[in-house]
Amino acid sequence: MKNLILLLAVLLIGCSTVDKVEVNTNQIEKMNESVSGKIPVKFSYQPLIGGKHEVFLAGDFNNWSKTETLMKEINGIYEIILYLKKGEYAYKYIVDGQWLTDENADEFIGDGF
């Protein structure tokens, strides 16, 4: 997915944070976006502890649903591709019922808690 650039910068606010991703497009994806209005964005999560986990993705794009967006495990890495309109989205992973921030994200925003 080298054509998709995720622009993330570090901004730590408060103790509790959510992650934010900014979606940008290149020339080919701009053509696809003009047809559907959405582009593919890949989210990946690799647990620190091996074994099987139940991993969901919650964020602005699904009204922070705890169970709507189940991530698929492939070789120990949980992944999902969402089709999103260009913009910034706050999100968190839910791993075995626990809300976690994306430790690889470069930008964080306060979640109010």
PDB file of N, CA and C in Angstrom:
ATOM      1  N   MET A   1       0.835  -1.181   0.000  1.00  0.00           N
ATOM      2  CA  MET A   1       0.000   0.000   0.000  1.00  0.00           C
ATOM      3  C   MET A   1       0.881   1.245   0.000  1.00  0.00           C
ATOM      4  N   LYS A   2       1.963   1.166  -0.843  1.00  0.00           N
ATOM      5  CA  LYS A   2       2.926   2.264  -0.830  1.00  0.00           C
ATOM      6  C   LYS A   2       2.359   3.557  -1.385  1.00  0.00           C
ATOM      7  N   ASN A   3       1.226   3.480  -2.097  1.00  0.00           N
ATOM      8  CA  ASN A   3       0.630   4.698  -2.648  1.00  0.00           C
ATOM      9  C   ASN A   3      -0.126   5.495  -1.607  1.00  0.00           C
ATOM     10  N   LEU A   4      -0.411   4.867  -0.488  1.00  0.00           N
ATOM     11  CA  LEU A   4      -1.163   5.554   0.569  1.00  0.00           C
ATOM     12  C   LEU A   4      -0.186   6.090   1.602  1.00  0.00           C
ATOM     13  N   ILE A   5      -0.253   7.363   1.862  1.00  0.00           N
ATOM     14  CA  ILE A   5       0.649   7.985   2.836  1.00  0.00           C
ATOM     15  C   ILE A   5      -0.143   8.319   4.077  1.00  0.00           C
ATOM     16  N   LEU A   6       0.298   7.779   5.191  1.00  0.00           N
ATOM     17  CA  LEU A   6      -0.327   8.127   6.463  1.00  0.00           C
ATOM     18  C   LEU A   6       0.576   9.147   7.151  1.00  0.00           C
ATOM     19  N   LEU A   7       0.078  10.354   7.245  1.00  0.00           N
ATOM     20  CA  LEU A   7       0.851  11.431   7.849  1.00  0.00           C
ATOM     21  C   LEU A   7       0.470  11.537   9.314  1.00  0.00           C
ATOM     22  N   LEU A   8       1.426  11.268  10.183  1.00  0.00           N
ATOM     23  CA  LEU A   8       1.169  11.277  11.619  1.00  0.00           C
ATOM     24  C   LEU A   8       2.262  12.075  12.328  1.00  0.00           C
ATOM     25  N   ALA A   9       1.904  12.924  13.264  1.00  0.00           N
ATOM     26  CA  ALA A   9       2.866  13.705  14.049  1.00  0.00           C
ATOM     27  C   ALA A   9       2.587  13.494  15.528  1.00  0.00           C
ATOM     28  N   VAL A  10       3.581  13.667  16.374  1.00  0.00           N
ATOM     29  CA  VAL A  10       3.423  13.389  17.797  1.00  0.00           C
ATOM     30  C   VAL A  10       2.815  14.591  18.511  1.00  0.00           C
ATOM     31  N   LEU A  11       1.730  14.344  19.248  1.00  0.00           N
ATOM     32  CA  LEU A  11       1.092  15.360  20.077  1.00  0.00           C
ATOM     33  C   LEU A  11       0.432  14.620  21.221  1.00  0.00           C
ATOM     34  N   LEU A  12       1.012  14.664  22.385  1.00  0.00           N
ATOM     35  CA  LEU A  12       0.509  13.924  23.528  1.00  0.00           C
ATOM     36  C   LEU A  12      -0.242  14.872  24.444  1.00  0.00           C
ATOM     37  N   ILE A  13      -1.535  14.592  24.667  1.00  0.00           N
ATOM     38  CA  ILE A  13      -2.377  15.449  25.501  1.00  0.00           C
ATOM     39  C   ILE A  13      -3.022  14.574  26.568  1.00  0.00           C
ATOM     40  N   GLY A  14      -2.797  14.887  27.827  1.00  0.00           N
ATOM     41  CA  GLY A  14      -3.436  14.164  28.921  1.00  0.00           C
ATOM     42  C   GLY A  14      -2.892  12.757  29.077  1.00  0.00           C
ATOM     43  N   CYS A  15      -3.483  12.005  30.000  1.00  0.00           N
ATOM     44  CA  CYS A  15      -3.045  10.643  30.281  1.00  0.00           C
ATOM     45  C   CYS A  15      -3.663   9.642  29.320  1.00  0.00           C
ATOM     46  N   SER A  16      -4.904   9.850  28.965  1.00  0.00           N
ATOM     47  CA  SER A  16      -5.606   8.925  28.096  1.00  0.00           C
ATOM     48  C   SER A  16      -5.660   9.516  26.699  1.00  0.00           C
ATOM     49  N   THR A  17      -5.324   8.712  25.701  1.00  0.00           N
ATOM     50  CA  THR A  17      -5.241   9.227  24.346  1.00  0.00           C
ATOM     51  C   THR A  17      -5.964   8.316  23.375  1.00  0.00           C
ATOM     52  N   VAL A  18      -6.282   8.859  22.228  1.00  0.00           N
ATOM     53  CA  VAL A  18      -6.733   8.077  21.087  1.00  0.00           C
ATOM     54  C   VAL A  18      -5.795   8.414  19.946  1.00  0.00           C
ATOM     55  N   ASP A  19      -5.763   7.555  18.946  1.00  0.00           N
ATOM     56  CA  ASP A  19      -4.871   7.759  17.828  1.00  0.00           C
ATOM     57  C   ASP A  19      -5.609   8.464  16.707  1.00  0.00           C
ATOM     58  N   LYS A  20      -4.848   9.106  15.840  1.00  0.00           N
ATOM     59  CA  LYS A  20      -5.444   9.821  14.722  1.00  0.00           C
ATOM     60  C   LYS A  20      -4.646   9.488  13.479  1.00  0.00           C
ATOM     61  N   VAL A  21      -5.339   9.218  12.396  1.00  0.00           N
ATOM     62  CA  VAL A  21      -4.683   8.933  11.130  1.00  0.00           C
ATOM     63  C   VAL A  21      -5.189   9.936  10.100  1.00  0.00           C
ATOM     64  N   GLU A  22      -4.287  10.424   9.267  1.00  0.00           N
ATOM     65  CA  GLU A  22      -4.667  11.331   8.190  1.00  0.00           C
ATOM     66  C   GLU A  22      -4.533  10.577   6.880  1.00  0.00           C
ATOM     67  N   VAL A  23      -5.576  10.604   6.077  1.00  0.00           N
ATOM     68  CA  VAL A  23      -5.602   9.862   4.828  1.00  0.00           C
ATOM     69  C   VAL A  23      -5.287  10.808   3.672  1.00  0.00           C
ATOM     70  N   ASN A  24      -4.251  10.473   2.890  1.00  0.00           N
ATOM     71  CA  ASN A  24      -3.889  11.236   1.699  1.00  0.00           C
ATOM     72  C   ASN A  24      -3.933  10.307   0.493  1.00  0.00           C
ATOM     73  N   THR A  25      -3.984  10.861  -0.710  1.00  0.00           N
ATOM     74  CA  THR A  25      -4.097  10.032  -1.907  1.00  0.00           C
ATOM     75  C   THR A  25      -3.050  10.405  -2.934  1.00  0.00           C
ATOM     76  N   ASN A  26      -2.786   9.468  -3.871  1.00  0.00           N
ATOM     77  CA  ASN A  26      -1.942   9.783  -5.022  1.00  0.00           C
ATOM     78  C   ASN A  26      -2.839   9.872  -6.255  1.00  0.00           C
ATOM     79  N   GLN A  27      -2.251   9.989  -7.432  1.00  0.00           N
ATOM     80  CA  GLN A  27      -3.019  10.218  -8.658  1.00  0.00           C
ATOM     81  C   GLN A  27      -4.034   9.106  -8.942  1.00  0.00           C
ATOM     82  N   ILE A  28      -3.629   7.829  -8.877  1.00  0.00           N
ATOM     83  CA  ILE A  28      -4.546   6.717  -9.161  1.00  0.00           C
ATOM     84  C   ILE A  28      -5.653   6.662  -8.127  1.00  0.00           C
ATOM     85  N   GLU A  29      -5.296   6.793  -6.864  1.00  0.00           N
ATOM     86  CA  GLU A  29      -6.307   6.744  -5.813  1.00  0.00           C
ATOM     87  C   GLU A  29      -7.258   7.929  -5.905  1.00  0.00           C
ATOM     88  N   LYS A  30      -6.782   9.057  -6.409  1.00  0.00           N
ATOM     89  CA  LYS A  30      -7.667  10.208  -6.597  1.00  0.00           C
ATOM     90  C   LYS A  30      -8.743   9.890  -7.623  1.00  0.00           C
ATOM     91  N   MET A  31      -8.384   9.122  -8.652  1.00  0.00           N
ATOM     92  CA  MET A  31      -9.381   8.713  -9.638  1.00  0.00           C
ATOM     93  C   MET A  31     -10.410   7.801  -8.988  1.00  0.00           C
ATOM     94  N   ASN A  32      -9.958   6.829  -8.187  1.00  0.00           N
ATOM     95  CA  ASN A  32     -10.875   5.937  -7.476  1.00  0.00           C
ATOM     96  C   ASN A  32     -11.738   6.721  -6.501  1.00  0.00           C
ATOM     97  N   GLU A  33     -11.133   7.681  -5.824  1.00  0.00           N
ATOM     98  CA  GLU A  33     -11.855   8.493  -4.855  1.00  0.00           C
ATOM     99  C   GLU A  33     -12.957   9.293  -5.535  1.00  0.00           C
ATOM    100  N   SER A  34     -12.693   9.768  -6.752  1.00  0.00           N
ATOM    101  CA  SER A  34     -13.701  10.559  -7.448  1.00  0.00           C
ATOM    102  C   SER A  34     -14.923   9.718  -7.792  1.00  0.00           C
ATOM    103  N   VAL A  35     -14.742   8.409  -7.947  1.00  0.00           N
ATOM    104  CA  VAL A  35     -15.860   7.516  -8.242  1.00  0.00           C
ATOM    105  C   VAL A  35     -16.601   7.143  -6.963  1.00  0.00           C
ATOM    106  N   SER A  36     -15.885   6.664  -5.940  1.00  0.00           N
ATOM    107  CA  SER A  36     -16.533   6.175  -4.720  1.00  0.00           C
ATOM    108  C   SER A  36     -16.523   7.190  -3.585  1.00  0.00           C
ATOM    109  N   GLY A  37     -15.601   8.144  -3.637  1.00  0.00           N
ATOM    110  CA  GLY A  37     -15.458   9.093  -2.542  1.00  0.00           C
ATOM    111  C   GLY A  37     -14.660   8.530  -1.385  1.00  0.00           C
ATOM    112  N   LYS A  38     -14.168   7.280  -1.511  1.00  0.00           N
ATOM    113  CA  LYS A  38     -13.430   6.638  -0.419  1.00  0.00           C
ATOM    114  C   LYS A  38     -12.172   5.975  -0.953  1.00  0.00           C
ATOM    115  N   ILE A  39     -11.157   5.842  -0.074  1.00  0.00           N
ATOM    116  CA  ILE A  39      -9.912   5.172  -0.432  1.00  0.00           C
ATOM    117  C   ILE A  39      -9.589   4.114   0.622  1.00  0.00           C
ATOM    118  N   PRO A  40      -8.834   3.064   0.252  1.00  0.00           N
ATOM    119  CA  PRO A  40      -8.503   2.013   1.214  1.00  0.00           C
ATOM    120  C   PRO A  40      -7.446   2.474   2.217  1.00  0.00           C
ATOM    121  N   VAL A  41      -7.692   2.164   3.487  1.00  0.00           N
ATOM    122  CA  VAL A  41      -6.744   2.464   4.562  1.00  0.00           C
ATOM    123  C   VAL A  41      -6.543   1.172   5.348  1.00  0.00           C
ATOM    124  N   LYS A  42      -5.293   0.745   5.470  1.00  0.00           N
ATOM    125  CA  LYS A  42      -4.983  -0.507   6.165  1.00  0.00           C
ATOM    126  C   LYS A  42      -4.565  -0.215   7.601  1.00  0.00           C
ATOM    127  N   PHE A  43      -5.228  -0.877   8.550  1.00  0.00           N
ATOM    128  CA  PHE A  43      -4.885  -0.801   9.963  1.00  0.00           C
ATOM    129  C   PHE A  43      -4.271  -2.144  10.355  1.00  0.00           C
ATOM    130  N   SER A  44      -3.167  -2.114  11.098  1.00  0.00           N
ATOM    131  CA  SER A  44      -2.485  -3.333  11.544  1.00  0.00           C
ATOM    132  C   SER A  44      -2.171  -3.240  13.027  1.00  0.00           C
ATOM    133  N   TYR A  45      -2.322  -4.376  13.715  1.00  0.00           N
ATOM    134  CA  TYR A  45      -1.992  -4.440  15.138  1.00  0.00           C
ATOM    135  C   TYR A  45      -1.266  -5.754  15.399  1.00  0.00           C
ATOM    136  N   GLN A  46      -0.095  -5.684  16.035  1.00  0.00           N
ATOM    137  CA  GLN A  46       0.650  -6.879  16.415  1.00  0.00           C
ATOM    138  C   GLN A  46       0.743  -6.929  17.931  1.00  0.00           C
ATOM    139  N   PRO A  47       0.077  -7.918  18.559  1.00  0.00           N
ATOM    140  CA  PRO A  47       0.108  -8.023  20.020  1.00  0.00           C
ATOM    141  C   PRO A  47       1.523  -8.283  20.533  1.00  0.00           C
ATOM    142  N   LEU A  48       1.808  -7.761  21.721  1.00  0.00           N
ATOM    143  CA  LEU A  48       3.103  -8.008  22.352  1.00  0.00           C
ATOM    144  C   LEU A  48       3.208  -9.448  22.828  1.00  0.00           C
ATOM    145  N   ILE A  49       2.062 -10.031  23.182  1.00  0.00           N
ATOM    146  CA  ILE A  49       2.006 -11.411  23.662  1.00  0.00           C
ATOM    147  C   ILE A  49       1.383 -12.269  22.573  1.00  0.00           C
ATOM    148  N   GLY A  50       2.051 -13.380  22.235  1.00  0.00           N
ATOM    149  CA  GLY A  50       1.549 -14.271  21.197  1.00  0.00           C
ATOM    150  C   GLY A  50       0.248 -14.945  21.586  1.00  0.00           C
ATOM    151  N   GLY A  51      -0.229 -15.802  20.723  1.00  0.00           N
ATOM    152  CA  GLY A  51      -1.489 -16.493  20.956  1.00  0.00           C
ATOM    153  C   GLY A  51      -2.623 -15.806  20.224  1.00  0.00           C
ATOM    154  N   LYS A  52      -3.789 -16.406  20.315  1.00  0.00           N
ATOM    155  CA  LYS A  52      -4.969 -15.860  19.642  1.00  0.00           C
ATOM    156  C   LYS A  52      -5.610 -14.775  20.490  1.00  0.00           C
ATOM    157  N   HIS A  53      -6.055 -13.734  19.837  1.00  0.00           N
ATOM    158  CA  HIS A  53      -6.713 -12.616  20.502  1.00  0.00           C
ATOM    159  C   HIS A  53      -7.955 -12.226  19.707  1.00  0.00           C
ATOM    160  N   GLU A  54      -8.850 -11.535  20.359  1.00  0.00           N
ATOM    161  CA  GLU A  54      -9.997 -10.950  19.681  1.00  0.00           C
ATOM    162  C   GLU A  54      -9.701  -9.455  19.576  1.00  0.00           C
ATOM    163  N   VAL A  55      -9.518  -8.972  18.347  1.00  0.00           N
ATOM    164  CA  VAL A  55      -9.093  -7.591  18.135  1.00  0.00           C
ATOM    165  C   VAL A  55     -10.116  -6.870  17.258  1.00  0.00           C
ATOM    166  N   PHE A  56     -10.624  -5.762  17.785  1.00  0.00           N
ATOM    167  CA  PHE A  56     -11.558  -4.912  17.053  1.00  0.00           C
ATOM    168  C   PHE A  56     -10.921  -3.545  16.863  1.00  0.00           C
ATOM    169  N   LEU A  57     -11.424  -2.811  15.885  1.00  0.00           N
ATOM    170  CA  LEU A  57     -10.999  -1.441  15.633  1.00  0.00           C
ATOM    171  C   LEU A  57     -12.205  -0.541  15.851  1.00  0.00           C
ATOM    172  N   ALA A  58     -12.047   0.471  16.700  1.00  0.00           N
ATOM    173  CA  ALA A  58     -13.140   1.409  16.973  1.00  0.00           C
ATOM    174  C   ALA A  58     -12.647   2.820  16.704  1.00  0.00           C
ATOM    175  N   GLY A  59     -13.540   3.663  16.186  1.00  0.00           N
ATOM    176  CA  GLY A  59     -13.134   5.034  15.919  1.00  0.00           C
ATOM    177  C   GLY A  59     -14.255   5.888  15.370  1.00  0.00           C
ATOM    178  N   ASP A  60     -13.865   7.066  14.908  1.00  0.00           N
ATOM    179  CA  ASP A  60     -14.821   8.009  14.335  1.00  0.00           C
ATOM    180  C   ASP A  60     -15.623   7.385  13.195  1.00  0.00           C
ATOM    181  N   PHE A  61     -14.996   6.491  12.451  1.00  0.00           N
ATOM    182  CA  PHE A  61     -15.584   5.904  11.251  1.00  0.00           C
ATOM    183  C   PHE A  61     -16.680   4.879  11.530  1.00  0.00           C
ATOM    184  N   ASN A  62     -16.799   4.381  12.770  1.00  0.00           N
ATOM    185  CA  ASN A  62     -17.856   3.412  13.098  1.00  0.00           C
ATOM    186  C   ASN A  62     -18.576   3.766  14.402  1.00  0.00           C
ATOM    187  N   ASN A  63     -18.609   5.064  14.722  1.00  0.00           N
ATOM    188  CA  ASN A  63     -19.267   5.545  15.955  1.00  0.00           C
ATOM    189  C   ASN A  63     -18.724   4.871  17.209  1.00  0.00           C
ATOM    190  N   TRP A  64     -17.437   4.547  17.191  1.00  0.00           N
ATOM    191  CA  TRP A  64     -16.748   3.939  18.329  1.00  0.00           C
ATOM    192  C   TRP A  64     -17.395   2.627  18.773  1.00  0.00           C
ATOM    193  N   SER A  65     -17.913   1.873  17.804  1.00  0.00           N
ATOM    194  CA  SER A  65     -18.515   0.572  18.107  1.00  0.00           C
ATOM    195  C   SER A  65     -17.446  -0.398  18.606  1.00  0.00           C
ATOM    196  N   LYS A  66     -17.747  -1.092  19.692  1.00  0.00           N
ATOM    197  CA  LYS A  66     -16.801  -2.047  20.285  1.00  0.00           C
ATOM    198  C   LYS A  66     -16.754  -3.366  19.524  1.00  0.00           C
ATOM    199  N   THR A  67     -17.773  -3.654  18.709  1.00  0.00           N
ATOM    200  CA  THR A  67     -17.861  -4.978  18.087  1.00  0.00           C
ATOM    201  C   THR A  67     -18.101  -4.958  16.582  1.00  0.00           C
ATOM    202  N   GLU A  68     -18.221  -3.808  15.982  1.00  0.00           N
ATOM    203  CA  GLU A  68     -18.570  -3.740  14.558  1.00  0.00           C
ATOM    204  C   GLU A  68     -17.421  -4.122  13.631  1.00  0.00           C
ATOM    205  N   THR A  69     -16.191  -3.758  13.984  1.00  0.00           N
ATOM    206  CA  THR A  69     -15.068  -3.894  13.059  1.00  0.00           C
ATOM    207  C   THR A  69     -14.034  -4.877  13.605  1.00  0.00           C
ATOM    208  N   LEU A  70     -14.276  -6.166  13.343  1.00  0.00           N
ATOM    209  CA  LEU A  70     -13.374  -7.237  13.782  1.00  0.00           C
ATOM    210  C   LEU A  70     -12.186  -7.314  12.831  1.00  0.00           C
ATOM    211  N   MET A  71     -10.985  -7.371  13.388  1.00  0.00           N
ATOM    212  CA  MET A  71      -9.774  -7.455  12.581  1.00  0.00           C
ATOM    213  C   MET A  71      -9.407  -8.921  12.368  1.00  0.00           C
ATOM    214  N   LYS A  72      -8.876  -9.232  11.189  1.00  0.00           N
ATOM    215  CA  LYS A  72      -8.517 -10.600  10.821  1.00  0.00           C
ATOM    216  C   LYS A  72      -7.047 -10.858  11.149  1.00  0.00           C
ATOM    217  N   GLU A  73      -6.769 -12.025  11.742  1.00  0.00           N
ATOM    218  CA  GLU A  73      -5.397 -12.391  12.110  1.00  0.00           C
ATOM    219  C   GLU A  73      -4.721 -13.112  10.949  1.00  0.00           C
ATOM    220  N   ILE A  74      -3.547 -12.614  10.565  1.00  0.00           N
ATOM    221  CA  ILE A  74      -2.734 -13.242   9.529  1.00  0.00           C
ATOM    222  C   ILE A  74      -1.308 -13.311  10.052  1.00  0.00           C
ATOM    223  N   ASN A  75      -0.841 -14.530  10.353  1.00  0.00           N
ATOM    224  CA  ASN A  75       0.523 -14.737  10.862  1.00  0.00           C
ATOM    225  C   ASN A  75       0.843 -13.892  12.088  1.00  0.00           C
ATOM    226  N   GLY A  76      -0.086 -13.828  13.033  1.00  0.00           N
ATOM    227  CA  GLY A  76       0.142 -13.123  14.287  1.00  0.00           C
ATOM    228  C   GLY A  76      -0.100 -11.625  14.239  1.00  0.00           C
ATOM    229  N   ILE A  77      -0.456 -11.096  13.073  1.00  0.00           N
ATOM    230  CA  ILE A  77      -0.746  -9.669  12.920  1.00  0.00           C
ATOM    231  C   ILE A  77      -2.216  -9.520  12.552  1.00  0.00           C
ATOM    232  N   TYR A  78      -2.889  -8.630  13.249  1.00  0.00           N
ATOM    233  CA  TYR A  78      -4.311  -8.393  13.010  1.00  0.00           C
ATOM    234  C   TYR A  78      -4.446  -7.206  12.070  1.00  0.00           C
ATOM    235  N   GLU A  79      -5.220  -7.409  10.994  1.00  0.00           N
ATOM    236  CA  GLU A  79      -5.326  -6.384   9.965  1.00  0.00           C
ATOM    237  C   GLU A  79      -6.766  -6.202   9.510  1.00  0.00           C
ATOM    238  N   ILE A  80      -7.024  -5.013   8.981  1.00  0.00           N
ATOM    239  CA  ILE A  80      -8.299  -4.734   8.327  1.00  0.00           C
ATOM    240  C   ILE A  80      -8.080  -3.562   7.378  1.00  0.00           C
ATOM    241  N   ILE A  81      -8.761  -3.598   6.255  1.00  0.00           N
ATOM    242  CA  ILE A  81      -8.746  -2.484   5.316  1.00  0.00           C
ATOM    243  C   ILE A  81     -10.129  -1.858   5.339  1.00  0.00           C
ATOM    244  N   LEU A  82     -10.169  -0.566   5.633  1.00  0.00           N
ATOM    245  CA  LEU A  82     -11.419   0.191   5.616  1.00  0.00           C
ATOM    246  C   LEU A  82     -11.371   1.171   4.454  1.00  0.00           C
ATOM    247  N   TYR A  83     -12.513   1.441   3.877  1.00  0.00           N
ATOM    248  CA  TYR A  83     -12.613   2.426   2.804  1.00  0.00           C
ATOM    249  C   TYR A  83     -13.165   3.708   3.413  1.00  0.00           C
ATOM    250  N   LEU A  84     -12.310   4.720   3.496  1.00  0.00           N
ATOM    251  CA  LEU A  84     -12.639   5.960   4.194  1.00  0.00           C
ATOM    252  C   LEU A  84     -12.493   7.156   3.263  1.00  0.00           C
ATOM    253  N   LYS A  85     -13.298   8.170   3.528  1.00  0.00           N
ATOM    254  CA  LYS A  85     -13.128   9.434   2.813  1.00  0.00           C
ATOM    255  C   LYS A  85     -11.852  10.100   3.315  1.00  0.00           C
ATOM    256  N   LYS A  86     -11.214  10.881   2.455  1.00  0.00           N
ATOM    257  CA  LYS A  86      -9.985  11.580   2.818  1.00  0.00           C
ATOM    258  C   LYS A  86     -10.235  12.445   4.051  1.00  0.00           C
ATOM    259  N   GLY A  87      -9.331  12.381   5.028  1.00  0.00           N
ATOM    260  CA  GLY A  87      -9.472  13.159   6.244  1.00  0.00           C
ATOM    261  C   GLY A  87      -8.693  12.547   7.389  1.00  0.00           C
ATOM    262  N   GLU A  88      -8.961  13.007   8.585  1.00  0.00           N
ATOM    263  CA  GLU A  88      -8.321  12.492   9.798  1.00  0.00           C
ATOM    264  C   GLU A  88      -9.365  11.768  10.629  1.00  0.00           C
ATOM    265  N   TYR A  89      -8.955  10.668  11.235  1.00  0.00           N
ATOM    266  CA  TYR A  89      -9.860   9.844  12.029  1.00  0.00           C
ATOM    267  C   TYR A  89      -9.186   9.448  13.337  1.00  0.00           C
ATOM    268  N   ALA A  90      -9.891   9.583  14.439  1.00  0.00           N
ATOM    269  CA  ALA A  90      -9.411   9.086  15.732  1.00  0.00           C
ATOM    270  C   ALA A  90      -9.827   7.624  15.835  1.00  0.00           C
ATOM    271  N   TYR A  91      -8.960   6.789  16.434  1.00  0.00           N
ATOM    272  CA  TYR A  91      -9.271   5.364  16.565  1.00  0.00           C
ATOM    273  C   TYR A  91      -8.501   4.750  17.728  1.00  0.00           C
ATOM    274  N   LYS A  92      -8.967   3.580  18.170  1.00  0.00           N
ATOM    275  CA  LYS A  92      -8.275   2.746  19.153  1.00  0.00           C
ATOM    276  C   LYS A  92      -8.512   1.286  18.790  1.00  0.00           C
ATOM    277  N   TYR A  93      -7.608   0.432  19.257  1.00  0.00           N
ATOM    278  CA  TYR A  93      -7.807  -1.006  19.136  1.00  0.00           C
ATOM    279  C   TYR A  93      -8.481  -1.503  20.409  1.00  0.00           C
ATOM    280  N   ILE A  94      -9.307  -2.531  20.272  1.00  0.00           N
ATOM    281  CA  ILE A  94      -9.894  -3.199  21.434  1.00  0.00           C
ATOM    282  C   ILE A  94      -9.394  -4.638  21.379  1.00  0.00           C
ATOM    283  N   VAL A  95      -8.489  -4.980  22.295  1.00  0.00           N
ATOM    284  CA  VAL A  95      -7.844  -6.289  22.310  1.00  0.00           C
ATOM    285  C   VAL A  95      -8.340  -7.055  23.524  1.00  0.00           C
ATOM    286  N   ASP A  96      -9.049  -8.142  23.264  1.00  0.00           N
ATOM    287  CA  ASP A  96      -9.617  -8.965  24.337  1.00  0.00           C
ATOM    288  C   ASP A  96     -10.387  -8.103  25.344  1.00  0.00           C
ATOM    289  N   GLY A  97     -11.143  -7.137  24.824  1.00  0.00           N
ATOM    290  CA  GLY A  97     -11.981  -6.283  25.660  1.00  0.00           C
ATOM    291  C   GLY A  97     -11.292  -5.060  26.236  1.00  0.00           C
ATOM    292  N   GLN A  98      -9.987  -4.922  26.033  1.00  0.00           N
ATOM    293  CA  GLN A  98      -9.230  -3.781  26.569  1.00  0.00           C
ATOM    294  C   GLN A  98      -8.960  -2.755  25.472  1.00  0.00           C
ATOM    295  N   TRP A  99      -9.271  -1.488  25.748  1.00  0.00           N
ATOM    296  CA  TRP A  99      -9.029  -0.404  24.796  1.00  0.00           C
ATOM    297  C   TRP A  99      -7.545  -0.034  24.819  1.00  0.00           C
ATOM    298  N   LEU A 100      -6.907  -0.049  23.647  1.00  0.00           N
ATOM    299  CA  LEU A 100      -5.477   0.253  23.545  1.00  0.00           C
ATOM    300  C   LEU A 100      -5.219   1.269  22.444  1.00  0.00           C
ATOM    301  N   THR A 101      -4.240   2.140  22.678  1.00  0.00           N
ATOM    302  CA  THR A 101      -3.817   3.056  21.624  1.00  0.00           C
ATOM    303  C   THR A 101      -2.835   2.342  20.709  1.00  0.00           C
ATOM    304  N   ASP A 102      -2.681   2.863  19.526  1.00  0.00           N
ATOM    305  CA  ASP A 102      -1.731   2.331  18.560  1.00  0.00           C
ATOM    306  C   ASP A 102      -0.352   2.864  18.924  1.00  0.00           C
ATOM    307  N   GLU A 103       0.496   2.009  19.477  1.00  0.00           N
ATOM    308  CA  GLU A 103       1.823   2.431  19.933  1.00  0.00           C
ATOM    309  C   GLU A 103       2.701   2.905  18.779  1.00  0.00           C
ATOM    310  N   ASN A 104       2.343   2.548  17.546  1.00  0.00           N
ATOM    311  CA  ASN A 104       3.125   2.965  16.382  1.00  0.00           C
ATOM    312  C   ASN A 104       2.628   4.267  15.766  1.00  0.00           C
ATOM    313  N   ALA A 105       1.536   4.799  16.288  1.00  0.00           N
ATOM    314  CA  ALA A 105       1.003   6.060  15.756  1.00  0.00           C
ATOM    315  C   ALA A 105       1.915   7.212  16.159  1.00  0.00           C
ATOM    316  N   ASP A 106       2.038   8.172  15.282  1.00  0.00           N
ATOM    317  CA  ASP A 106       2.868   9.344  15.568  1.00  0.00           C
ATOM    318  C   ASP A 106       2.074  10.489  16.169  1.00  0.00           C
ATOM    319  N   GLU A 107       0.759  10.468  16.019  1.00  0.00           N
ATOM    320  CA  GLU A 107      -0.060  11.568  16.515  1.00  0.00           C
ATOM    321  C   GLU A 107      -1.129  11.033  17.454  1.00  0.00           C
ATOM    322  N   PHE A 108      -1.300  11.723  18.574  1.00  0.00           N
ATOM    323  CA  PHE A 108      -2.289  11.340  19.574  1.00  0.00           C
ATOM    324  C   PHE A 108      -3.116  12.556  19.937  1.00  0.00           C
ATOM    325  N   ILE A 109      -4.389  12.328  20.241  1.00  0.00           N
ATOM    326  CA  ILE A 109      -5.258  13.401  20.721  1.00  0.00           C
ATOM    327  C   ILE A 109      -5.933  12.931  21.996  1.00  0.00           C
ATOM    328  N   GLY A 110      -6.285  13.844  22.873  1.00  0.00           N
ATOM    329  CA  GLY A 110      -6.960  13.489  24.115  1.00  0.00           C
ATOM    330  C   GLY A 110      -8.348  12.932  23.839  1.00  0.00           C
ATOM    331  N   ASP A 111      -8.762  11.942  24.635  1.00  0.00           N
ATOM    332  CA  ASP A 111     -10.103  11.378  24.448  1.00  0.00           C
ATOM    333  C   ASP A 111     -11.087  11.867  25.505  1.00  0.00           C
ATOM    334  N   GLY A 112     -10.658  12.774  26.371  1.00  0.00           N
ATOM    335  CA  GLY A 112     -11.563  13.345  27.361  1.00  0.00           C
ATOM    336  C   GLY A 112     -11.651  12.566  28.658  1.00  0.00           C
ATOM    337  N   PHE A 113     -10.922  11.471  28.777  1.00  0.00           N
ATOM    338  CA  PHE A 113     -10.965  10.669  30.006  1.00  0.00           C
ATOM    339  C   PHE A 113      -9.616  10.667  30.687  1.00  0.00           C
TER     340      PHE A 113
END
